[in-house]
Amino acid sequence: MAPFLIARKPKFAVSDAVRLKLGKISAATIDRLPRKEKARRRVKGTSGTKPAKGHIKSLVPVMSHFECAQQGAGLWQIDLVQHDGGCPSGEFCFTLTITEVKYCWTIHYPPKNKAFRWVYAALAHALTVLPLPVRVFHSDNGSEFINHALQLWCQQQGIKLARSRSNRKMTTVSSSGKIMRPSGKSSATGASRTRKASPPCKPCIPHMTAC
């Protein structure tokens, strides 16, 4: 379990008494002792969802998870995640995920930020490449989805725009068919932040998966 205890040229200066204790320590104790230090160093996620205003939310119907499951093919859940590494200042990456609930077909887009032009560009492109019909877009209560511009565009496309209940975690279906319950926080662990100048605007390049 601890190869450095029997190494010929140990990298750590360990006394015989400590070496003896380390040789007898259990795996559970090893996990328990640094628990407080691990908790102190853990990167905490930040919530990037800004709730839409009440007057526009009242125009978008609420659809629960069970109602989504009863819709059949054509209901797509959309979610936007920011990868800020625990610090929401500066430039960082975003991921817009569009998942069909019944067949779990998923497509990912890397929008530049939460502005409507990028969300619109991704959704408009998705309509041209998705292999299944799009009848409903179901999102959380974030202002990047619940706004007059997107509602009008959905009406023009003949698509129903629905949202989850306020202060509730939106249930989504992963590409592997598993039910996922996002925490409403950004992906902090393992996501690197960028501080470089923003590159010239380029069209979103989608990544598609299917179960």
Protein backbone atom coordinates (compact mmCIF):
# COMPACT_ATOMS: atom_id res chain seq x y z
CA MET A 1 0.00 0.00 0.00
CA ALA A 2 2.94 2.34 0.66
CA PRO A 3 5.91 1.30 -1.53
CA PHE A 4 8.11 4.09 -0.14
CA LEU A 5 8.24 2.25 3.18
CA ILE A 6 10.34 -0.56 1.70
CA ALA A 7 12.24 1.42 -0.94
CA ARG A 8 16.03 1.16 -0.87
CA LYS A 9 16.38 4.90 -1.37
CA PRO A 10 13.28 6.41 0.26
CA LYS A 11 12.19 9.85 -0.90
CA PHE A 12 10.82 10.75 2.52
CA ALA A 13 12.68 10.91 5.81
CA VAL A 14 10.58 8.64 8.04
CA SER A 15 11.58 7.47 11.51
CA ASP A 16 11.33 3.81 12.46
CA ALA A 17 8.41 4.51 14.79
CA VAL A 18 6.43 6.29 12.07
CA ARG A 19 7.36 3.62 9.55
CA LEU A 20 5.97 0.96 11.90
CA LYS A 21 2.71 2.85 12.35
CA LEU A 22 2.31 3.41 8.62
CA GLY A 23 2.79 -0.29 8.02
CA LYS A 24 -0.14 -1.10 10.32
CA ILE A 25 -2.53 1.69 9.41
CA SER A 26 -5.79 0.67 7.74
CA ALA A 27 -7.20 2.08 4.52
CA ALA A 28 -10.19 3.53 6.41
CA THR A 29 -7.91 5.46 8.74
CA ILE A 30 -5.90 6.78 5.80
CA ASP A 31 -9.13 8.17 4.32
CA ARG A 32 -10.33 9.57 7.65
CA LEU A 33 -7.25 11.46 8.83
CA PRO A 34 -6.92 13.93 5.91
CA ARG A 35 -10.68 14.44 5.60
CA LYS A 36 -10.67 17.98 6.99
CA GLU A 37 -7.73 19.04 4.83
CA LYS A 38 -9.37 17.59 1.72
CA ALA A 39 -12.56 19.46 2.51
CA ARG A 40 -10.63 22.70 2.93
CA ARG A 41 -8.89 22.30 -0.43
CA ARG A 42 -11.91 21.11 -2.39
CA VAL A 43 -12.84 23.37 -5.29
CA LYS A 44 -16.40 24.61 -4.90
CA GLY A 45 -18.64 25.08 -7.89
CA THR A 46 -20.44 28.33 -8.59
CA SER A 47 -23.98 28.77 -9.80
CA GLY A 48 -24.15 30.61 -13.11
CA THR A 49 -27.91 30.39 -13.57
CA LYS A 50 -29.60 33.78 -13.37
CA PRO A 51 -33.35 33.26 -12.92
CA ALA A 52 -35.56 34.84 -15.56
CA LYS A 53 -37.91 37.62 -14.50
CA GLY A 54 -41.37 36.78 -13.28
CA HIS A 55 -43.33 38.32 -16.15
CA ILE A 56 -41.60 36.22 -18.81
CA LYS A 57 -41.64 33.07 -16.67
CA SER A 58 -45.42 33.35 -16.45
CA LEU A 59 -45.57 33.09 -20.26
CA VAL A 60 -43.56 29.85 -20.39
CA PRO A 61 -45.47 26.79 -19.10
CA VAL A 62 -44.01 24.53 -16.43
CA MET A 63 -43.46 20.89 -17.32
CA SER A 64 -42.45 18.35 -14.67
CA HIS A 65 -40.21 15.34 -15.23
CA PHE A 66 -43.19 12.99 -15.40
CA GLU A 67 -44.93 15.23 -17.93
CA CYS A 68 -41.74 15.23 -20.00
CA ALA A 69 -41.63 11.44 -19.97
CA GLN A 70 -45.22 11.31 -21.26
CA GLN A 71 -44.47 13.57 -24.25
CA GLY A 72 -42.82 10.79 -26.25
CA ALA A 73 -40.32 11.49 -29.02
CA GLY A 74 -39.51 15.08 -29.87
CA LEU A 75 -38.96 16.59 -26.42
CA TRP A 76 -35.44 17.97 -26.07
CA GLN A 77 -34.00 19.15 -22.78
CA ILE A 78 -31.49 21.98 -23.06
CA ASP A 79 -28.95 23.02 -20.45
CA LEU A 80 -26.04 25.45 -20.40
CA VAL A 81 -23.07 24.79 -18.10
CA GLN A 82 -20.17 27.12 -17.38
CA HIS A 83 -16.74 25.63 -16.70
CA ASP A 84 -15.23 28.36 -14.53
CA GLY A 85 -13.02 26.28 -12.23
CA GLY A 86 -14.78 27.72 -9.18
CA CYS A 87 -14.09 31.37 -10.07
CA PRO A 88 -16.78 32.99 -12.25
CA SER A 89 -14.67 36.01 -13.23
CA GLY A 90 -12.87 36.31 -16.57
CA GLU A 91 -13.23 34.14 -19.65
CA PHE A 92 -14.02 30.42 -19.50
CA CYS A 93 -15.72 27.70 -21.51
CA PHE A 94 -19.43 26.90 -21.79
CA THR A 95 -21.24 23.77 -22.91
CA LEU A 96 -24.77 23.78 -24.31
CA THR A 97 -26.23 20.28 -24.17
CA ILE A 98 -29.38 19.25 -26.05
CA THR A 99 -30.77 15.80 -25.18
CA GLU A 100 -33.80 13.99 -26.55
CA VAL A 101 -35.59 12.42 -23.58
CA LYS A 102 -36.99 9.25 -25.14
CA TYR A 103 -34.08 8.11 -27.32
CA CYS A 104 -31.27 9.88 -25.43
CA TRP A 105 -29.79 11.43 -28.58
CA THR A 106 -27.43 14.17 -27.41
CA ILE A 107 -25.63 17.03 -29.12
CA HIS A 108 -23.15 19.43 -27.50
CA TYR A 109 -22.22 22.98 -28.50
CA PRO A 110 -19.45 25.26 -27.15
CA PRO A 111 -21.05 28.74 -27.11
CA LYS A 112 -18.81 31.70 -26.40
CA ASN A 113 -21.03 32.88 -23.55
CA LYS A 114 -24.69 33.04 -22.53
CA ALA A 115 -25.69 35.77 -24.97
CA PHE A 116 -28.79 35.08 -27.05
CA ARG A 117 -26.84 35.18 -30.32
CA TRP A 118 -24.81 32.11 -29.31
CA VAL A 119 -27.73 30.19 -27.80
CA TYR A 120 -29.81 30.99 -30.89
CA ALA A 121 -26.99 29.96 -33.27
CA ALA A 122 -26.60 26.61 -31.52
CA LEU A 123 -30.33 25.83 -31.41
CA ALA A 124 -30.86 26.96 -35.01
CA HIS A 125 -28.01 24.75 -36.20
CA ALA A 126 -29.33 21.84 -34.14
CA LEU A 127 -32.63 21.97 -36.03
CA THR A 128 -30.74 21.27 -39.27
CA VAL A 129 -28.76 18.26 -38.04
CA LEU A 130 -30.88 16.50 -35.41
CA PRO A 131 -32.23 13.18 -36.70
CA LEU A 132 -35.43 13.40 -34.63
CA PRO A 133 -38.25 15.95 -34.73
CA VAL A 134 -38.15 18.88 -32.33
CA ARG A 135 -41.54 19.53 -30.77
CA VAL A 136 -40.57 20.87 -27.34
CA PHE A 137 -37.53 22.58 -25.84
CA HIS A 138 -37.47 22.08 -22.07
CA SER A 139 -35.01 24.09 -19.97
CA ASP A 140 -34.35 25.33 -16.46
CA ASN A 141 -35.36 28.83 -15.38
CA GLY A 142 -32.16 30.52 -16.56
CA SER A 143 -32.51 33.82 -18.40
CA GLU A 144 -30.41 32.46 -21.29
CA PHE A 145 -33.44 30.32 -22.25
CA ILE A 146 -36.44 32.03 -20.67
CA ASN A 147 -36.55 35.32 -22.57
CA HIS A 148 -38.76 37.06 -25.13
CA ALA A 149 -36.33 36.56 -28.03
CA LEU A 150 -36.10 32.78 -27.65
CA GLN A 151 -39.81 32.47 -26.98
CA LEU A 152 -40.61 34.36 -30.20
CA TRP A 153 -38.13 32.27 -32.21
CA CYS A 154 -39.66 29.05 -30.87
CA GLN A 155 -43.12 30.27 -31.86
CA GLN A 156 -41.89 31.02 -35.38
CA GLN A 157 -40.42 27.52 -35.62
CA GLY A 158 -43.56 25.85 -34.26
CA ILE A 159 -41.69 24.62 -31.16
CA LYS A 160 -43.14 24.68 -27.66
CA LEU A 161 -40.86 26.23 -25.02
CA ALA A 162 -41.32 24.79 -21.52
CA ARG A 163 -39.41 25.06 -18.26
CA SER A 164 -38.89 23.17 -15.03
CA ARG A 165 -40.35 24.33 -11.74
CA SER A 166 -38.55 27.15 -9.95
CA ASN A 167 -35.92 26.16 -7.38
CA ARG A 168 -36.06 22.56 -8.53
CA LYS A 169 -33.22 20.57 -10.06
CA MET A 170 -33.99 19.81 -13.67
CA THR A 171 -33.90 16.11 -14.47
CA THR A 172 -32.14 15.22 -17.70
CA VAL A 173 -31.30 12.00 -19.49
CA SER A 174 -27.69 11.30 -20.35
CA SER A 175 -26.52 9.80 -23.64
CA SER A 176 -26.14 6.45 -21.87
CA GLY A 177 -29.78 6.49 -20.78
CA LYS A 178 -29.14 7.36 -17.13
CA ILE A 179 -31.30 9.87 -15.31
CA MET A 180 -29.15 12.85 -14.35
CA ARG A 181 -30.03 15.53 -11.79
CA PRO A 182 -27.77 18.57 -12.29
CA SER A 183 -26.86 20.42 -9.09
CA GLY A 184 -27.24 23.82 -10.69
CA LYS A 185 -23.51 24.41 -10.20
CA SER A 186 -20.81 24.67 -12.75
CA SER A 187 -18.27 21.94 -13.46
CA ALA A 188 -15.49 23.15 -11.22
CA THR A 189 -13.36 20.04 -10.69
CA GLY A 190 -11.18 19.24 -13.66
CA ALA A 191 -12.23 22.27 -15.65
CA SER A 192 -9.46 24.68 -16.45
CA ARG A 193 -10.04 28.38 -16.78
CA THR A 194 -8.59 30.48 -19.55
CA ARG A 195 -7.36 34.03 -19.10
CA LYS A 196 -6.19 34.66 -22.63
CA ALA A 197 -7.77 37.13 -24.99
CA SER A 198 -10.89 35.81 -26.70
CA PRO A 199 -10.23 34.41 -30.20
CA PRO A 200 -12.19 35.63 -33.23
CA CYS A 201 -15.77 34.45 -33.28
CA LYS A 202 -16.25 31.12 -35.04
CA PRO A 203 -19.38 29.06 -35.69
CA CYS A 204 -20.25 26.55 -33.00
CA ILE A 205 -18.98 23.07 -33.82
CA PRO A 206 -21.38 20.46 -32.43
CA HIS A 207 -20.48 17.10 -30.93
CA MET A 208 -23.18 14.48 -31.30
CA THR A 209 -23.68 11.24 -29.43
CA ALA A 210 -26.39 8.62 -29.42
CA CYS A 211 -27.09 5.68 -27.16
